[in-house]
N, C-alpha and C. Protein backbone atom coordinates (compact mmCIF):
# COMPACT_ATOMS: atom_id res chain seq x y z
N MET A 1 6.54 10.53 0.39
CA MET A 1 6.01 8.84 1.45
C MET A 1 5.47 7.56 0.25
N ALA A 2 6.53 7.20 0.68
CA ALA A 2 5.63 5.88 0.13
C ALA A 2 5.04 4.85 2.05
N TYR A 3 3.38 4.47 0.87
CA TYR A 3 2.85 3.65 2.08
C TYR A 3 3.92 2.68 2.21
N LYS A 4 3.27 1.62 3.73
CA LYS A 4 4.19 0.20 3.87
C LYS A 4 2.67 -0.76 4.27
N ILE A 5 3.28 -1.56 4.10
CA ILE A 5 1.27 -2.83 4.66
C ILE A 5 2.55 -3.35 6.20
N VAL A 6 2.04 -2.99 6.99
CA VAL A 6 1.99 -3.63 8.53
C VAL A 6 2.35 -5.20 7.99
N ALA A 7 3.64 -6.22 8.31
CA ALA A 7 3.38 -7.15 7.87
C ALA A 7 2.33 -8.31 8.85
N SER A 8 3.03 -7.49 10.11
CA SER A 8 2.07 -8.95 11.17
C SER A 8 0.78 -8.48 11.53
N GLN A 9 0.46 -7.70 10.48
CA GLN A 9 -1.33 -7.29 10.58
C GLN A 9 -2.41 -7.62 9.61
N CYS A 10 -1.27 -7.98 8.43
CA CYS A 10 -1.64 -8.34 6.72
C CYS A 10 -2.10 -9.64 7.73
N THR A 11 -3.61 -9.76 6.75
CA THR A 11 -4.57 -11.14 7.19
C THR A 11 -4.46 -11.46 6.14
N GLY A 12 -3.34 -11.32 4.64
CA GLY A 12 -3.90 -12.47 2.97
C GLY A 12 -4.52 -12.15 2.38
N CYS A 13 -5.87 -11.44 2.37
CA CYS A 13 -6.80 -11.34 1.41
C CYS A 13 -6.88 -10.62 0.77
N SER A 14 -5.72 -10.05 -0.23
CA SER A 14 -5.01 -10.14 -1.39
C SER A 14 -5.79 -8.55 -2.06
N ALA A 15 -7.27 -7.83 -1.08
CA ALA A 15 -7.63 -7.04 -1.13
C ALA A 15 -7.42 -5.59 -2.10
N CYS A 16 -5.94 -5.52 -1.21
CA CYS A 16 -5.57 -4.22 -1.56
C CYS A 16 -4.44 -4.40 -3.20
N GLU A 17 -4.39 -5.39 -3.13
CA GLU A 17 -3.22 -6.06 -4.54
C GLU A 17 -3.70 -5.47 -5.91
N PRO A 18 -4.49 -5.68 -6.66
CA PRO A 18 -6.06 -5.15 -7.57
C PRO A 18 -6.46 -3.47 -7.54
N GLU A 19 -5.30 -3.56 -6.37
CA GLU A 19 -6.67 -2.17 -6.25
C GLU A 19 -5.41 -0.67 -6.62
N CYS A 20 -3.78 -1.31 -6.64
CA CYS A 20 -2.98 -0.18 -6.63
C CYS A 20 -2.44 -0.35 -7.87
N PRO A 21 -2.82 1.27 -7.95
CA PRO A 21 -2.73 2.43 -10.14
C PRO A 21 -1.66 1.60 -10.16
N ASN A 22 -0.62 2.05 -9.72
CA ASN A 22 0.53 1.41 -9.72
C ASN A 22 1.90 0.36 -9.92
N GLU A 23 1.18 -0.81 -8.37
CA GLU A 23 1.29 -2.84 -9.72
C GLU A 23 2.57 -2.27 -8.27
N ALA A 24 2.37 -1.62 -7.88
CA ALA A 24 3.08 -1.95 -6.45
C ALA A 24 2.74 -2.68 -4.86
N ILE A 25 1.76 -3.06 -5.42
CA ILE A 25 1.74 -4.99 -3.87
C ILE A 25 1.84 -5.68 -4.91
N PHE A 26 2.92 -6.57 -4.32
CA PHE A 26 3.00 -7.87 -4.47
C PHE A 26 2.89 -9.20 -3.11
N GLU A 27 2.97 -10.45 -2.81
CA GLU A 27 2.64 -11.12 -2.65
C GLU A 27 3.86 -12.18 -2.00
N LYS A 28 4.36 -12.28 -1.06
CA LYS A 28 5.30 -13.50 -0.87
C LYS A 28 5.04 -14.42 0.61
N SER A 29 5.04 -14.82 0.39
CA SER A 29 4.35 -16.42 1.46
C SER A 29 2.97 -16.41 2.20
N GLY A 30 2.08 -14.99 1.44
CA GLY A 30 0.59 -15.65 2.04
C GLY A 30 1.10 -13.42 2.43
N ILE A 31 1.40 -12.80 3.02
CA ILE A 31 1.89 -11.63 3.51
C ILE A 31 2.25 -10.47 2.02
N PHE A 32 1.29 -9.39 2.03
CA PHE A 32 1.86 -8.57 1.27
C PHE A 32 2.47 -7.51 2.07
N TYR A 33 3.52 -7.37 0.25
CA TYR A 33 3.92 -6.01 1.00
C TYR A 33 3.81 -4.58 -0.13
N ILE A 34 4.36 -3.45 -0.45
CA ILE A 34 4.46 -2.47 -0.87
C ILE A 34 5.57 -2.38 -1.84
N LYS A 35 6.03 -2.41 -3.03
CA LYS A 35 7.16 -1.59 -3.49
C LYS A 35 7.18 -0.10 -2.88
N PRO A 36 8.05 -0.19 -1.93
CA PRO A 36 8.29 1.80 -2.44
C PRO A 36 8.73 2.67 -3.51
N GLU A 37 9.83 2.44 -4.22
CA GLU A 37 10.13 2.99 -4.76
C GLU A 37 8.98 3.46 -6.21
N LYS A 38 7.76 2.29 -6.35
CA LYS A 38 6.65 2.48 -7.56
C LYS A 38 5.49 3.24 -6.72
N CYS A 39 5.25 2.84 -5.34
CA CYS A 39 3.65 3.63 -4.70
C CYS A 39 3.74 5.74 -4.40
N THR A 40 2.86 5.93 -5.23
CA THR A 40 2.48 6.87 -5.48
C THR A 40 1.79 7.90 -4.14
N GLU A 41 1.05 7.41 -3.73
CA GLU A 41 0.10 6.99 -2.87
C GLU A 41 -1.18 7.28 -3.19
N CYS A 42 -1.42 6.67 -4.82
CA CYS A 42 -1.93 6.96 -4.77
C CYS A 42 -2.42 8.40 -5.93
N ILE A 43 -1.59 9.11 -6.06
CA ILE A 43 -1.57 10.75 -5.73
C ILE A 43 -1.71 11.31 -6.83
N GLY A 44 -3.26 11.57 -7.74
CA GLY A 44 -3.04 12.04 -9.89
C GLY A 44 -4.20 10.72 -10.13
N PHE A 45 -3.99 9.10 -9.09
CA PHE A 45 -5.21 8.76 -9.34
C PHE A 45 -6.25 9.07 -7.91
N PHE A 46 -6.18 8.94 -7.25
CA PHE A 46 -6.67 8.64 -6.50
C PHE A 46 -7.52 10.05 -5.48
N ASP A 47 -8.88 9.84 -4.75
CA ASP A 47 -7.95 11.06 -3.04
C ASP A 47 -7.49 10.47 -1.97
N GLU A 48 -7.78 8.95 -1.69
CA GLU A 48 -7.09 8.59 -1.22
C GLU A 48 -6.74 7.51 -1.88
N ALA A 49 -5.72 7.20 -0.47
CA ALA A 49 -4.15 5.95 -0.81
C ALA A 49 -5.79 3.94 -1.27
N GLN A 50 -5.83 3.50 -1.87
CA GLN A 50 -6.85 2.40 -2.75
C GLN A 50 -6.33 1.78 -1.50
N CYS A 51 -5.28 1.63 -1.14
CA CYS A 51 -4.95 0.40 -0.42
C CYS A 51 -5.67 0.49 1.31
N VAL A 52 -5.17 1.86 2.06
CA VAL A 52 -6.36 1.79 3.53
C VAL A 52 -7.49 2.19 2.98
N ALA A 53 -8.01 2.30 1.20
CA ALA A 53 -9.95 2.22 1.33
C ALA A 53 -10.56 0.89 1.53
N VAL A 54 -9.18 0.00 0.59
CA VAL A 54 -9.96 -1.47 1.19
C VAL A 54 -9.04 -2.17 2.13
N CYS A 55 -8.00 -1.55 2.71
CA CYS A 55 -8.02 -3.22 3.49
C CYS A 55 -8.52 -3.14 5.14
N PRO A 56 -9.09 -4.83 5.15
CA PRO A 56 -10.25 -5.18 6.90
C PRO A 56 -9.62 -5.02 7.59
N VAL A 57 -8.06 -4.21 8.29
CA VAL A 57 -7.57 -4.64 9.08
C VAL A 57 -7.34 -2.69 9.95
N ASP A 58 -7.93 -2.08 10.32
CA ASP A 58 -7.27 -0.29 10.54
C ASP A 58 -6.28 -0.38 10.74
N ASP A 59 -5.05 0.24 9.82
CA ASP A 59 -3.63 0.88 11.01
C ASP A 59 -3.07 -0.54 10.38
N THR A 60 -3.39 -1.29 8.38
CA THR A 60 -2.49 -2.03 8.42
C THR A 60 -1.57 -1.20 6.80
N CYS A 61 -1.98 -0.44 7.02
CA CYS A 61 -1.46 1.04 5.38
C CYS A 61 -1.37 1.72 5.35
N VAL A 62 0.27 2.52 5.88
CA VAL A 62 0.22 2.65 6.84
C VAL A 62 1.46 3.79 6.19
N ILE A 63 1.91 5.37 6.59
CA ILE A 63 2.43 5.94 6.04
C ILE A 63 4.12 6.19 5.93
N ASP A 64 4.83 5.39 5.16
CA ASP A 64 6.32 5.19 5.46
C ASP A 64 7.56 5.86 5.09
N ASN A 65 7.93 6.37 7.07
CA ASN A 65 7.87 8.00 6.94
C ASN A 65 9.39 8.08 7.05
N SER A 66 10.34 7.12 6.51
CA SER A 66 11.72 6.50 5.95
C SER A 66 12.18 7.17 4.55
N TYR A 67 11.05 6.81 3.30
CA TYR A 67 11.41 7.49 2.18
C TYR A 67 9.84 8.76 2.01
N PRO A 68 11.03 9.33 1.41
CA PRO A 68 11.04 11.20 0.09
C PRO A 68 8.95 10.96 -0.08
N ARG A 69 8.40 12.09 0.41
CA ARG A 69 7.54 12.85 -0.13
C ARG A 69 7.03 12.50 -1.71
N TYR A 70 6.08 11.60 -2.35
CA TYR A 70 6.16 11.79 -3.50
C TYR A 70 5.46 12.93 -4.01
N SER A 71 6.18 13.47 -5.23
CA SER A 71 5.31 15.00 -6.15
C SER A 71 5.85 14.21 -6.89
N ALA A 72 4.24 14.62 -8.15
CA ALA A 72 3.95 14.31 -8.95
C ALA A 72 5.32 15.70 -10.43
């Protein structure tokens, strides 16, 4: 599964973008999004997803169940 950013909760703070080891996060019109095909849930890089760790708004970066689980 990949993570996704709940657009209605995103403040546009950009804290997540530089933390993503896969460059999967991008900004469009002041809101940040995650490219699911590039998201590895930070597996192999960190113990927890960095977008979740740095986001100042709880439950904004969440698992997107519409994508299969990443396997290293």
